[in-house]
Amino acid sequence: MTGDYIRPIDAAELTGLSLAALAQLRYRHQGPRFYKPTSHRVYYKRAEVIAWLETGIQTATSALA
């Protein structure tokens, strides 16, 4: 797959999360938005993964997300 869409392995590398962690985020309706064109395929848009990461910007360790 090319272009803006990336596989979960690529999203995991981009976020620093494991594949299992991304799967749990999908299950919990959290994490970056994903696309599921078939029952066995999951894709993310690179820009949306980056935007999701940027929503977690903190200025101090005590700040709530």
N, C-alpha and C. Protein backbone atom coordinates (compact mmCIF):
# COMPACT_ATOMS: atom_id res chain seq x y z
N MET A 1 0.85 -1.17 0.00
CA MET A 1 0.00 0.00 0.00
C MET A 1 0.89 1.23 0.00
N THR A 2 0.56 2.17 -0.83
CA THR A 2 1.37 3.37 -0.94
C THR A 2 0.53 4.60 -0.63
N GLY A 3 1.17 5.73 -0.59
CA GLY A 3 0.46 6.98 -0.38
C GLY A 3 0.23 7.29 1.07
N ASP A 4 -0.92 7.89 1.34
CA ASP A 4 -1.24 8.36 2.68
C ASP A 4 -1.60 7.24 3.65
N TYR A 5 -1.99 6.11 3.15
CA TYR A 5 -2.43 5.01 4.01
C TYR A 5 -1.24 4.15 4.43
N ILE A 6 -1.22 3.80 5.71
CA ILE A 6 -0.13 2.97 6.23
C ILE A 6 -0.71 1.77 6.96
N ARG A 7 0.09 0.74 7.06
CA ARG A 7 -0.30 -0.49 7.75
C ARG A 7 -0.10 -0.32 9.26
N PRO A 8 -0.71 -1.17 10.06
CA PRO A 8 -0.50 -1.10 11.51
C PRO A 8 0.97 -1.18 11.92
N ILE A 9 1.77 -1.98 11.22
CA ILE A 9 3.19 -2.08 11.57
C ILE A 9 3.88 -0.73 11.38
N ASP A 10 3.48 0.01 10.36
CA ASP A 10 4.04 1.34 10.12
C ASP A 10 3.54 2.34 11.17
N ALA A 11 2.27 2.23 11.54
CA ALA A 11 1.72 3.10 12.59
C ALA A 11 2.40 2.81 13.92
N ALA A 12 2.69 1.54 14.17
CA ALA A 12 3.38 1.18 15.41
C ALA A 12 4.77 1.80 15.45
N GLU A 13 5.47 1.74 14.34
CA GLU A 13 6.80 2.33 14.27
C GLU A 13 6.73 3.85 14.44
N LEU A 14 5.74 4.47 13.84
CA LEU A 14 5.58 5.92 13.91
C LEU A 14 5.25 6.38 15.33
N THR A 15 4.44 5.62 16.05
CA THR A 15 3.99 6.01 17.39
C THR A 15 4.88 5.48 18.50
N GLY A 16 5.63 4.43 18.21
CA GLY A 16 6.42 3.80 19.27
C GLY A 16 5.61 2.80 20.07
N LEU A 17 4.39 2.51 19.63
CA LEU A 17 3.53 1.53 20.29
C LEU A 17 3.69 0.17 19.64
N SER A 18 3.33 -0.86 20.37
CA SER A 18 3.35 -2.21 19.81
C SER A 18 2.09 -2.43 18.98
N LEU A 19 2.12 -3.46 18.15
CA LEU A 19 0.93 -3.82 17.39
C LEU A 19 -0.23 -4.18 18.32
N ALA A 20 0.08 -4.85 19.41
CA ALA A 20 -0.94 -5.22 20.39
C ALA A 20 -1.55 -3.98 21.04
N ALA A 21 -0.73 -3.00 21.33
CA ALA A 21 -1.24 -1.76 21.93
C ALA A 21 -2.17 -1.03 20.97
N LEU A 22 -1.80 -0.98 19.69
CA LEU A 22 -2.68 -0.36 18.70
C LEU A 22 -3.99 -1.13 18.58
N ALA A 23 -3.92 -2.44 18.61
CA ALA A 23 -5.14 -3.26 18.55
C ALA A 23 -6.04 -2.97 19.75
N GLN A 24 -5.46 -2.83 20.91
CA GLN A 24 -6.25 -2.52 22.11
C GLN A 24 -6.89 -1.14 22.00
N LEU A 25 -6.16 -0.18 21.47
CA LEU A 25 -6.72 1.16 21.28
C LEU A 25 -7.90 1.11 20.31
N ARG A 26 -7.79 0.33 19.26
CA ARG A 26 -8.92 0.18 18.32
C ARG A 26 -10.11 -0.45 19.04
N TYR A 27 -9.86 -1.49 19.82
CA TYR A 27 -10.93 -2.19 20.54
C TYR A 27 -11.64 -1.25 21.52
N ARG A 28 -10.88 -0.37 22.15
CA ARG A 28 -11.42 0.57 23.15
C ARG A 28 -11.96 1.86 22.54
N HIS A 29 -11.95 1.95 21.21
CA HIS A 29 -12.39 3.15 20.51
C HIS A 29 -11.55 4.36 20.91
N GLN A 30 -10.27 4.15 21.06
CA GLN A 30 -9.31 5.20 21.37
C GLN A 30 -8.24 5.17 20.29
N GLY A 31 -7.27 6.03 20.41
CA GLY A 31 -6.18 6.00 19.46
C GLY A 31 -6.52 6.67 18.15
N PRO A 32 -5.62 6.56 17.19
CA PRO A 32 -5.86 7.21 15.90
C PRO A 32 -6.99 6.53 15.13
N ARG A 33 -7.68 7.33 14.32
CA ARG A 33 -8.76 6.79 13.50
C ARG A 33 -8.16 5.77 12.53
N PHE A 34 -8.90 4.71 12.26
CA PHE A 34 -8.41 3.66 11.36
C PHE A 34 -9.47 3.32 10.34
N TYR A 35 -9.04 2.64 9.29
CA TYR A 35 -9.90 2.25 8.19
C TYR A 35 -9.84 0.73 8.04
N LYS A 36 -10.99 0.13 7.84
CA LYS A 36 -11.07 -1.33 7.76
C LYS A 36 -11.87 -1.70 6.51
N PRO A 37 -11.20 -1.73 5.35
CA PRO A 37 -11.92 -2.01 4.10
C PRO A 37 -12.44 -3.44 4.00
N THR A 38 -11.80 -4.37 4.69
CA THR A 38 -12.28 -5.75 4.76
C THR A 38 -12.18 -6.20 6.21
N SER A 39 -12.70 -7.36 6.49
CA SER A 39 -12.67 -7.84 7.88
C SER A 39 -11.26 -8.21 8.35
N HIS A 40 -10.31 -8.32 7.43
CA HIS A 40 -8.96 -8.74 7.80
C HIS A 40 -7.90 -7.67 7.57
N ARG A 41 -8.29 -6.50 7.13
CA ARG A 41 -7.32 -5.45 6.82
C ARG A 41 -7.61 -4.20 7.64
N VAL A 42 -6.55 -3.60 8.16
CA VAL A 42 -6.65 -2.34 8.90
C VAL A 42 -5.60 -1.40 8.33
N TYR A 43 -6.00 -0.16 8.12
CA TYR A 43 -5.08 0.86 7.65
C TYR A 43 -5.29 2.14 8.44
N TYR A 44 -4.27 2.94 8.48
CA TYR A 44 -4.32 4.26 9.09
C TYR A 44 -3.88 5.27 8.05
N LYS A 45 -4.29 6.53 8.22
CA LYS A 45 -3.73 7.60 7.42
C LYS A 45 -2.58 8.20 8.22
N ARG A 46 -1.44 8.32 7.58
CA ARG A 46 -0.25 8.83 8.26
C ARG A 46 -0.52 10.17 8.94
N ALA A 47 -1.16 11.09 8.26
CA ALA A 47 -1.43 12.42 8.82
C ALA A 47 -2.32 12.34 10.06
N GLU A 48 -3.26 11.41 10.07
CA GLU A 48 -4.15 11.27 11.23
C GLU A 48 -3.43 10.65 12.42
N VAL A 49 -2.48 9.76 12.15
CA VAL A 49 -1.67 9.20 13.24
C VAL A 49 -0.82 10.31 13.87
N ILE A 50 -0.21 11.13 13.03
CA ILE A 50 0.61 12.23 13.53
C ILE A 50 -0.25 13.23 14.30
N ALA A 51 -1.44 13.55 13.78
CA ALA A 51 -2.35 14.46 14.48
C ALA A 51 -2.75 13.89 15.83
N TRP A 52 -3.01 12.59 15.88
CA TRP A 52 -3.37 11.95 17.15
C TRP A 52 -2.23 12.06 18.15
N LEU A 53 -1.01 11.84 17.69
CA LEU A 53 0.15 11.99 18.57
C LEU A 53 0.25 13.41 19.10
N GLU A 54 -0.01 14.38 18.26
CA GLU A 54 0.12 15.77 18.66
C GLU A 54 -0.97 16.21 19.63
N THR A 55 -2.07 15.49 19.71
CA THR A 55 -3.11 15.84 20.68
C THR A 55 -2.67 15.53 22.09
N GLY A 56 -1.63 14.73 22.22
CA GLY A 56 -1.12 14.36 23.54
C GLY A 56 0.03 15.22 24.02
N ILE A 57 0.23 16.39 23.39
CA ILE A 57 1.32 17.28 23.79
C ILE A 57 1.10 17.74 25.22
N GLN A 58 2.14 17.66 26.01
CA GLN A 58 2.10 18.06 27.42
C GLN A 58 3.20 19.06 27.70
N THR A 59 2.98 19.91 28.67
CA THR A 59 4.02 20.87 29.07
C THR A 59 4.71 20.46 30.36
N ALA A 60 4.13 19.51 31.07
CA ALA A 60 4.74 19.02 32.30
C ALA A 60 4.27 17.58 32.53
N THR A 61 5.04 16.82 33.27
CA THR A 61 4.66 15.43 33.52
C THR A 61 3.42 15.32 34.38
N SER A 62 3.08 16.36 35.13
CA SER A 62 1.90 16.30 35.99
C SER A 62 0.63 16.71 35.27
N ALA A 63 0.74 17.22 34.04
CA ALA A 63 -0.43 17.65 33.29
C ALA A 63 -1.26 16.44 32.85
N LEU A 64 -2.57 16.59 32.88
CA LEU A 64 -3.46 15.51 32.43
C LEU A 64 -3.62 15.58 30.94
N ALA A 65 -3.73 14.41 30.31
CA ALA A 65 -3.93 14.36 28.86
C ALA A 65 -5.33 14.73 28.49
